[in-house]
């Protein structure tokens, strides 16, 4: 039997909608690990469907390392200013800017393939796909630039 605590736990971890989480848990027979895999796959499917949609809004995010010797600027785009103003979207931009500063990818394509510095079981591309599934909009890392002394 699916309980509210399971739904709340998965929602806090993945950010998917309550109905999607409940359906995934039912499909997985209450197994949270299997439900996460089902939700991730659905997110990947949603991301693939949205890949061609135009991204005309977004944010420019800057990150300066604590030693003041390096910093980055990234451009993260989405479809609407409503999503661009969302705290979770802005946190994603900040995480990506920190990743660029820490790992110095040569371009956006190599960045997407890098393991995330906070959880190496995920790649940066996975974070973007999860955000696409969460917000229901196409999201792209348009530009990255690192500065270093």
C-alpha atoms as a PDB file:
ATOM      1  CA  UNK A   1       0.000   0.000   0.000  1.00  0.00           C
ATOM      2  CA  UNK A   2       1.282   3.437  -0.966  1.00  0.00           C
ATOM      3  CA  UNK A   3       1.391   5.939   1.893  1.00  0.00           C
ATOM      4  CA  UNK A   4       1.647   9.711   2.015  1.00  0.00           C
ATOM      5  CA  UNK A   5       5.129   9.623   3.561  1.00  0.00           C
ATOM      6  CA  UNK A   6       6.503   7.712   0.576  1.00  0.00           C
ATOM      7  CA  UNK A   7       4.985  10.257  -1.813  1.00  0.00           C
ATOM      8  CA  UNK A   8       6.361  13.200   0.217  1.00  0.00           C
ATOM      9  CA  UNK A   9       9.828  11.607   0.378  1.00  0.00           C
ATOM     10  CA  UNK A  10      10.025  11.025  -3.381  1.00  0.00           C
ATOM     11  CA  UNK A  11       8.600  14.466  -4.122  1.00  0.00           C
ATOM     12  CA  UNK A  12      11.326  16.108  -2.029  1.00  0.00           C
ATOM     13  CA  UNK A  13      14.009  14.030  -3.779  1.00  0.00           C
ATOM     14  CA  UNK A  14      12.818  14.257  -7.366  1.00  0.00           C
ATOM     15  CA  UNK A  15      10.339  17.132  -7.513  1.00  0.00           C
ATOM     16  CA  UNK A  16       7.875  15.295  -9.752  1.00  0.00           C
ATOM     17  CA  UNK A  17       4.133  15.799  -9.462  1.00  0.00           C
ATOM     18  CA  UNK A  18       2.173  13.961  -6.792  1.00  0.00           C
ATOM     19  CA  UNK A  19       0.057  12.036  -9.310  1.00  0.00           C
ATOM     20  CA  UNK A  20       3.185  10.931 -11.215  1.00  0.00           C
ATOM     21  CA  UNK A  21       4.854   9.802  -7.994  1.00  0.00           C
ATOM     22  CA  UNK A  22       1.791   7.871  -6.865  1.00  0.00           C
ATOM     23  CA  UNK A  23       1.496   6.178 -10.263  1.00  0.00           C
ATOM     24  CA  UNK A  24       5.208   5.256 -10.266  1.00  0.00           C
ATOM     25  CA  UNK A  25       4.976   3.824  -6.747  1.00  0.00           C
ATOM     26  CA  UNK A  26       1.941   1.766  -7.728  1.00  0.00           C
ATOM     27  CA  UNK A  27       3.719   0.567 -10.867  1.00  0.00           C
ATOM     28  CA  UNK A  28       6.776  -0.356  -8.753  1.00  0.00           C
ATOM     29  CA  UNK A  29       4.713  -2.171  -6.126  1.00  0.00           C
ATOM     30  CA  UNK A  30       5.711   0.342  -3.445  1.00  0.00           C
ATOM     31  CA  UNK A  31       9.461  -0.033  -4.095  1.00  0.00           C
ATOM     32  CA  UNK A  32      10.867   3.510  -3.854  1.00  0.00           C
ATOM     33  CA  UNK A  33      14.061   2.684  -5.758  1.00  0.00           C
ATOM     34  CA  UNK A  34      12.104   1.248  -8.699  1.00  0.00           C
ATOM     35  CA  UNK A  35       9.679   4.175  -8.561  1.00  0.00           C
ATOM     36  CA  UNK A  36      12.622   6.615  -8.840  1.00  0.00           C
ATOM     37  CA  UNK A  37      13.857   4.752 -11.920  1.00  0.00           C
ATOM     38  CA  UNK A  38      10.377   4.900 -13.473  1.00  0.00           C
ATOM     39  CA  UNK A  39      10.113   8.642 -12.749  1.00  0.00           C
ATOM     40  CA  UNK A  40      13.572   9.306 -14.172  1.00  0.00           C
ATOM     41  CA  UNK A  41      12.679   7.431 -17.353  1.00  0.00           C
ATOM     42  CA  UNK A  42       9.466   9.414 -17.676  1.00  0.00           C
ATOM     43  CA  UNK A  43      11.511  12.577 -17.166  1.00  0.00           C
ATOM     44  CA  UNK A  44      13.906  11.547 -19.925  1.00  0.00           C
ATOM     45  CA  UNK A  45      10.952  10.880 -22.215  1.00  0.00           C
ATOM     46  CA  UNK A  46       9.481  14.306 -21.431  1.00  0.00           C
ATOM     47  CA  UNK A  47      12.858  15.974 -21.974  1.00  0.00           C
ATOM     48  CA  UNK A  48      13.273  14.350 -25.385  1.00  0.00           C
ATOM     49  CA  UNK A  49       9.834  15.612 -26.465  1.00  0.00           C
ATOM     50  CA  UNK A  50      10.668  19.181 -25.432  1.00  0.00           C
ATOM     51  CA  UNK A  51      14.196  19.322 -26.910  1.00  0.00           C
ATOM     52  CA  UNK A  52      13.190  21.253 -30.025  1.00  0.00           C
ATOM     53  CA  UNK A  53      11.142  23.919 -28.269  1.00  0.00           C
ATOM     54  CA  UNK A  54      12.504  27.475 -28.322  1.00  0.00           C
ATOM     55  CA  UNK A  55      14.170  28.824 -25.160  1.00  0.00           C
ATOM     56  CA  UNK A  56      13.777  32.598 -25.142  1.00  0.00           C
ATOM     57  CA  UNK A  57      14.021  33.312 -21.404  1.00  0.00           C
ATOM     58  CA  UNK A  58      16.489  32.366 -18.692  1.00  0.00           C
ATOM     59  CA  UNK A  59      19.196  33.683 -16.403  1.00  0.00           C
ATOM     60  CA  UNK A  60      22.829  34.681 -16.464  1.00  0.00           C
ATOM     61  CA  UNK A  61      24.472  33.254 -13.339  1.00  0.00           C
ATOM     62  CA  UNK A  62      27.884  34.238 -11.973  1.00  0.00           C
ATOM     63  CA  UNK A  63      29.890  32.316  -9.406  1.00  0.00           C
ATOM     64  CA  UNK A  64      33.116  33.515  -7.782  1.00  0.00           C
ATOM     65  CA  UNK A  65      35.150  30.945  -5.828  1.00  0.00           C
ATOM     66  CA  UNK A  66      35.910  31.804  -2.177  1.00  0.00           C
ATOM     67  CA  UNK A  67      39.601  32.372  -2.958  1.00  0.00           C
ATOM     68  CA  UNK A  68      38.633  35.106  -5.476  1.00  0.00           C
ATOM     69  CA  UNK A  69      41.048  33.529  -7.980  1.00  0.00           C
ATOM     70  CA  UNK A  70      38.473  31.965 -10.286  1.00  0.00           C
ATOM     71  CA  UNK A  71      34.902  32.497 -11.343  1.00  0.00           C
ATOM     72  CA  UNK A  72      32.369  31.552 -13.961  1.00  0.00           C
ATOM     73  CA  UNK A  73      29.456  32.971 -15.868  1.00  0.00           C
ATOM     74  CA  UNK A  74      26.841  30.717 -17.420  1.00  0.00           C
ATOM     75  CA  UNK A  75      23.681  31.300 -19.440  1.00  0.00           C
ATOM     76  CA  UNK A  76      20.842  28.908 -18.610  1.00  0.00           C
ATOM     77  CA  UNK A  77      17.791  29.297 -20.828  1.00  0.00           C
ATOM     78  CA  UNK A  78      14.177  28.165 -20.577  1.00  0.00           C
ATOM     79  CA  UNK A  79      10.928  28.889 -22.407  1.00  0.00           C
ATOM     80  CA  UNK A  80       9.259  31.420 -20.086  1.00  0.00           C
ATOM     81  CA  UNK A  81      10.221  34.120 -17.624  1.00  0.00           C
ATOM     82  CA  UNK A  82       7.889  32.423 -15.125  1.00  0.00           C
ATOM     83  CA  UNK A  83      10.301  29.471 -14.905  1.00  0.00           C
ATOM     84  CA  UNK A  84      13.370  31.727 -15.094  1.00  0.00           C
ATOM     85  CA  UNK A  85      12.207  33.501 -11.905  1.00  0.00           C
ATOM     86  CA  UNK A  86      11.620  30.207 -10.058  1.00  0.00           C
ATOM     87  CA  UNK A  87      13.955  29.613  -7.097  1.00  0.00           C
ATOM     88  CA  UNK A  88      14.666  26.014  -8.148  1.00  0.00           C
ATOM     89  CA  UNK A  89      15.622  27.119 -11.665  1.00  0.00           C
ATOM     90  CA  UNK A  90      17.949  29.737 -10.223  1.00  0.00           C
ATOM     91  CA  UNK A  91      19.479  27.146  -7.859  1.00  0.00           C
ATOM     92  CA  UNK A  92      20.113  24.908 -10.879  1.00  0.00           C
ATOM     93  CA  UNK A  93      21.921  27.794 -12.597  1.00  0.00           C
ATOM     94  CA  UNK A  94      24.044  28.338  -9.481  1.00  0.00           C
ATOM     95  CA  UNK A  95      24.913  24.618  -9.230  1.00  0.00           C
ATOM     96  CA  UNK A  96      25.961  24.573 -12.876  1.00  0.00           C
ATOM     97  CA  UNK A  97      28.084  27.714 -12.420  1.00  0.00           C
ATOM     98  CA  UNK A  98      29.853  26.106  -9.432  1.00  0.00           C
ATOM     99  CA  UNK A  99      30.399  22.934 -11.467  1.00  0.00           C
ATOM    100  CA  UNK A 100      32.041  24.913 -14.270  1.00  0.00           C
ATOM    101  CA  UNK A 101      34.316  26.675 -11.776  1.00  0.00           C
ATOM    102  CA  UNK A 102      35.319  23.422 -10.057  1.00  0.00           C
ATOM    103  CA  UNK A 103      35.684  21.123 -13.074  1.00  0.00           C
ATOM    104  CA  UNK A 104      36.661  23.450 -15.961  1.00  0.00           C
ATOM    105  CA  UNK A 105      34.774  21.759 -18.807  1.00  0.00           C
ATOM    106  CA  UNK A 106      35.959  22.837 -22.254  1.00  0.00           C
ATOM    107  CA  UNK A 107      32.424  23.344 -23.607  1.00  0.00           C
ATOM    108  CA  UNK A 108      28.738  22.747 -22.869  1.00  0.00           C
ATOM    109  CA  UNK A 109      28.765  19.258 -24.391  1.00  0.00           C
ATOM    110  CA  UNK A 110      31.581  18.073 -22.111  1.00  0.00           C
ATOM    111  CA  UNK A 111      29.896  19.764 -19.117  1.00  0.00           C
ATOM    112  CA  UNK A 112      26.707  17.763 -19.689  1.00  0.00           C
ATOM    113  CA  UNK A 113      28.733  14.532 -19.484  1.00  0.00           C
ATOM    114  CA  UNK A 114      30.549  15.438 -16.248  1.00  0.00           C
ATOM    115  CA  UNK A 115      29.552  13.802 -12.959  1.00  0.00           C
ATOM    116  CA  UNK A 116      27.903  16.368 -10.687  1.00  0.00           C
ATOM    117  CA  UNK A 117      30.272  17.485  -7.902  1.00  0.00           C
ATOM    118  CA  UNK A 118      27.567  17.054  -5.223  1.00  0.00           C
ATOM    119  CA  UNK A 119      26.445  13.558  -6.319  1.00  0.00           C
ATOM    120  CA  UNK A 120      28.676  11.655  -8.716  1.00  0.00           C
ATOM    121  CA  UNK A 121      25.896   9.179  -9.490  1.00  0.00           C
ATOM    122  CA  UNK A 122      24.315  11.964 -11.590  1.00  0.00           C
ATOM    123  CA  UNK A 123      25.684  13.850 -14.556  1.00  0.00           C
ATOM    124  CA  UNK A 124      25.009  17.527 -15.181  1.00  0.00           C
ATOM    125  CA  UNK A 125      22.900  16.454 -18.152  1.00  0.00           C
ATOM    126  CA  UNK A 126      20.727  14.445 -15.734  1.00  0.00           C
ATOM    127  CA  UNK A 127      20.144  17.564 -13.615  1.00  0.00           C
ATOM    128  CA  UNK A 128      19.004  19.464 -16.679  1.00  0.00           C
ATOM    129  CA  UNK A 129      16.689  16.623 -17.762  1.00  0.00           C
ATOM    130  CA  UNK A 130      15.194  16.423 -14.267  1.00  0.00           C
ATOM    131  CA  UNK A 131      14.528  20.172 -14.391  1.00  0.00           C
ATOM    132  CA  UNK A 132      12.875  19.808 -17.806  1.00  0.00           C
ATOM    133  CA  UNK A 133      10.581  17.136 -16.385  1.00  0.00           C
ATOM    134  CA  UNK A 134       9.864  19.198 -13.271  1.00  0.00           C
ATOM    135  CA  UNK A 135       9.093  22.496 -15.028  1.00  0.00           C
ATOM    136  CA  UNK A 136       7.578  21.092 -18.227  1.00  0.00           C
ATOM    137  CA  UNK A 137       9.760  23.381 -20.330  1.00  0.00           C
ATOM    138  CA  UNK A 138      12.838  22.950 -22.455  1.00  0.00           C
ATOM    139  CA  UNK A 139      15.979  24.045 -20.606  1.00  0.00           C
ATOM    140  CA  UNK A 140      19.409  24.510 -22.153  1.00  0.00           C
ATOM    141  CA  UNK A 141      22.844  25.522 -20.983  1.00  0.00           C
ATOM    142  CA  UNK A 142      23.560  28.053 -23.695  1.00  0.00           C
ATOM    143  CA  UNK A 143      27.024  29.309 -22.713  1.00  0.00           C
ATOM    144  CA  UNK A 144      29.740  28.755 -20.122  1.00  0.00           C
ATOM    145  CA  UNK A 145      32.839  30.801 -19.429  1.00  0.00           C
ATOM    146  CA  UNK A 146      35.493  30.392 -16.741  1.00  0.00           C
ATOM    147  CA  UNK A 147      37.865  33.116 -15.619  1.00  0.00           C
ATOM    148  CA  UNK A 148      40.999  32.371 -13.653  1.00  0.00           C
ATOM    149  CA  UNK A 149      44.032  34.232 -12.351  1.00  0.00           C
END
